[in-house]
Amino acid sequence: MVDAFTMLATVVVGLFLGVNLDKVFHTSPFLTITFTFLGIGTTIFSVLKKK
């Protein structure tokens, strides 16, 4: 249960950061996509590290 929450939280935090930084810097999809993929990458790295 904790692993699933951690996986979801990292992606949501990346998405949240990307959307808000896009609003500040007016770089509409770029930072949202970047931080979302960083969140997904962090999740994959975390899962592989635990094995």
N, C-alpha and C. Protein backbone atom coordinates (compact mmCIF):
# COMPACT_ATOMS: atom_id res chain seq x y z
N MET A 1 0.82 -1.20 0.00
CA MET A 1 0.00 0.00 0.00
C MET A 1 0.86 1.26 0.00
N VAL A 2 1.90 1.24 0.80
CA VAL A 2 2.79 2.41 0.87
C VAL A 2 3.51 2.61 -0.45
N ASP A 3 3.91 1.53 -1.09
CA ASP A 3 4.60 1.64 -2.38
C ASP A 3 3.69 2.27 -3.44
N ALA A 4 2.44 1.88 -3.46
CA ALA A 4 1.51 2.44 -4.44
C ALA A 4 1.30 3.93 -4.19
N PHE A 5 1.20 4.33 -2.94
CA PHE A 5 1.04 5.74 -2.62
C PHE A 5 2.28 6.53 -3.02
N THR A 6 3.45 5.98 -2.77
CA THR A 6 4.70 6.65 -3.13
C THR A 6 4.81 6.81 -4.64
N MET A 7 4.43 5.77 -5.38
CA MET A 7 4.49 5.84 -6.84
C MET A 7 3.55 6.91 -7.37
N LEU A 8 2.35 6.95 -6.84
CA LEU A 8 1.38 7.95 -7.28
C LEU A 8 1.81 9.36 -6.86
N ALA A 9 2.33 9.48 -5.65
CA ALA A 9 2.71 10.80 -5.13
C ALA A 9 3.84 11.42 -5.95
N THR A 10 4.83 10.64 -6.36
CA THR A 10 5.94 11.23 -7.12
C THR A 10 5.48 11.74 -8.48
N VAL A 11 4.58 11.02 -9.12
CA VAL A 11 4.08 11.47 -10.41
C VAL A 11 3.20 12.71 -10.24
N VAL A 12 2.37 12.73 -9.21
CA VAL A 12 1.48 13.87 -8.98
C VAL A 12 2.28 15.11 -8.59
N VAL A 13 3.31 14.94 -7.78
CA VAL A 13 4.15 16.08 -7.40
C VAL A 13 4.87 16.63 -8.64
N GLY A 14 5.38 15.76 -9.48
CA GLY A 14 6.02 16.22 -10.72
C GLY A 14 5.06 16.97 -11.62
N LEU A 15 3.85 16.46 -11.74
CA LEU A 15 2.83 17.12 -12.54
C LEU A 15 2.47 18.48 -11.94
N PHE A 16 2.29 18.53 -10.64
CA PHE A 16 1.95 19.78 -9.94
C PHE A 16 3.05 20.83 -10.12
N LEU A 17 4.29 20.42 -9.93
CA LEU A 17 5.41 21.35 -10.12
C LEU A 17 5.47 21.85 -11.55
N GLY A 18 5.31 20.94 -12.49
CA GLY A 18 5.38 21.33 -13.90
C GLY A 18 4.30 22.32 -14.29
N VAL A 19 3.08 22.08 -13.86
CA VAL A 19 1.97 22.97 -14.20
C VAL A 19 2.19 24.35 -13.59
N ASN A 20 2.58 24.40 -12.33
CA ASN A 20 2.78 25.69 -11.67
C ASN A 20 3.98 26.45 -12.21
N LEU A 21 5.05 25.75 -12.52
CA LEU A 21 6.21 26.44 -13.10
C LEU A 21 5.92 26.91 -14.52
N ASP A 22 5.09 26.17 -15.25
CA ASP A 22 4.68 26.62 -16.58
C ASP A 22 3.88 27.91 -16.49
N LYS A 23 3.06 28.04 -15.47
CA LYS A 23 2.28 29.27 -15.29
C LYS A 23 3.20 30.44 -14.97
N VAL A 24 4.23 30.21 -14.18
CA VAL A 24 5.15 31.28 -13.78
C VAL A 24 6.01 31.72 -14.96
N PHE A 25 6.57 30.75 -15.68
CA PHE A 25 7.53 31.06 -16.74
C PHE A 25 6.91 31.11 -18.14
N HIS A 26 5.60 30.85 -18.25
CA HIS A 26 4.89 30.89 -19.53
C HIS A 26 5.52 29.96 -20.58
N THR A 27 5.80 28.74 -20.16
CA THR A 27 6.37 27.74 -21.06
C THR A 27 5.42 26.55 -21.14
N SER A 28 4.22 26.83 -21.57
CA SER A 28 3.05 25.99 -21.39
C SER A 28 3.25 24.48 -21.29
N PRO A 29 3.55 23.74 -22.31
CA PRO A 29 3.57 22.29 -22.05
C PRO A 29 4.94 21.76 -21.63
N PHE A 30 6.01 22.56 -21.82
CA PHE A 30 7.36 22.03 -21.69
C PHE A 30 7.68 21.53 -20.28
N LEU A 31 7.51 22.34 -19.28
CA LEU A 31 7.87 21.94 -17.91
C LEU A 31 6.91 20.91 -17.34
N THR A 32 5.65 20.96 -17.75
CA THR A 32 4.69 19.94 -17.30
C THR A 32 5.12 18.57 -17.79
N ILE A 33 5.46 18.48 -19.05
CA ILE A 33 5.90 17.20 -19.62
C ILE A 33 7.21 16.76 -18.97
N THR A 34 8.14 17.68 -18.81
CA THR A 34 9.45 17.35 -18.25
C THR A 34 9.32 16.81 -16.83
N PHE A 35 8.60 17.53 -15.98
CA PHE A 35 8.50 17.11 -14.58
C PHE A 35 7.63 15.86 -14.43
N THR A 36 6.66 15.66 -15.31
CA THR A 36 5.87 14.44 -15.26
C THR A 36 6.75 13.24 -15.59
N PHE A 37 7.57 13.36 -16.64
CA PHE A 37 8.46 12.26 -16.98
C PHE A 37 9.54 12.05 -15.92
N LEU A 38 9.99 13.12 -15.27
CA LEU A 38 10.92 12.94 -14.15
C LEU A 38 10.27 12.18 -13.00
N GLY A 39 9.01 12.47 -12.73
CA GLY A 39 8.28 11.73 -11.69
C GLY A 39 8.12 10.26 -12.05
N ILE A 40 7.81 9.99 -13.31
CA ILE A 40 7.68 8.60 -13.77
C ILE A 40 9.04 7.90 -13.69
N GLY A 41 10.09 8.59 -14.10
CA GLY A 41 11.43 8.01 -14.03
C GLY A 41 11.86 7.73 -12.60
N THR A 42 11.55 8.62 -11.70
CA THR A 42 11.86 8.41 -10.29
C THR A 42 11.10 7.22 -9.74
N THR A 43 9.86 7.06 -10.15
CA THR A 43 9.07 5.92 -9.71
C THR A 43 9.67 4.62 -10.22
N ILE A 44 10.05 4.57 -11.49
CA ILE A 44 10.65 3.36 -12.06
C ILE A 44 11.97 3.05 -11.37
N PHE A 45 12.79 4.06 -11.14
CA PHE A 45 14.06 3.88 -10.45
C PHE A 45 13.84 3.33 -9.04
N SER A 46 12.86 3.86 -8.35
CA SER A 46 12.56 3.40 -6.98
C SER A 46 12.12 1.94 -6.97
N VAL A 47 11.30 1.56 -7.93
CA VAL A 47 10.83 0.17 -8.00
C VAL A 47 12.00 -0.77 -8.31
N LEU A 48 12.84 -0.38 -9.25
CA LEU A 48 13.98 -1.23 -9.61
C LEU A 48 15.00 -1.31 -8.49
N LYS A 49 15.16 -0.26 -7.73
CA LYS A 49 16.10 -0.23 -6.62
C LYS A 49 15.68 -1.17 -5.49
N LYS A 50 14.37 -1.32 -5.29
CA LYS A 50 13.88 -2.18 -4.22
C LYS A 50 14.03 -3.66 -4.54
N LYS A 51 14.18 -4.01 -5.80
CA LYS A 51 14.30 -5.43 -6.16
C LYS A 51 15.62 -6.02 -5.78
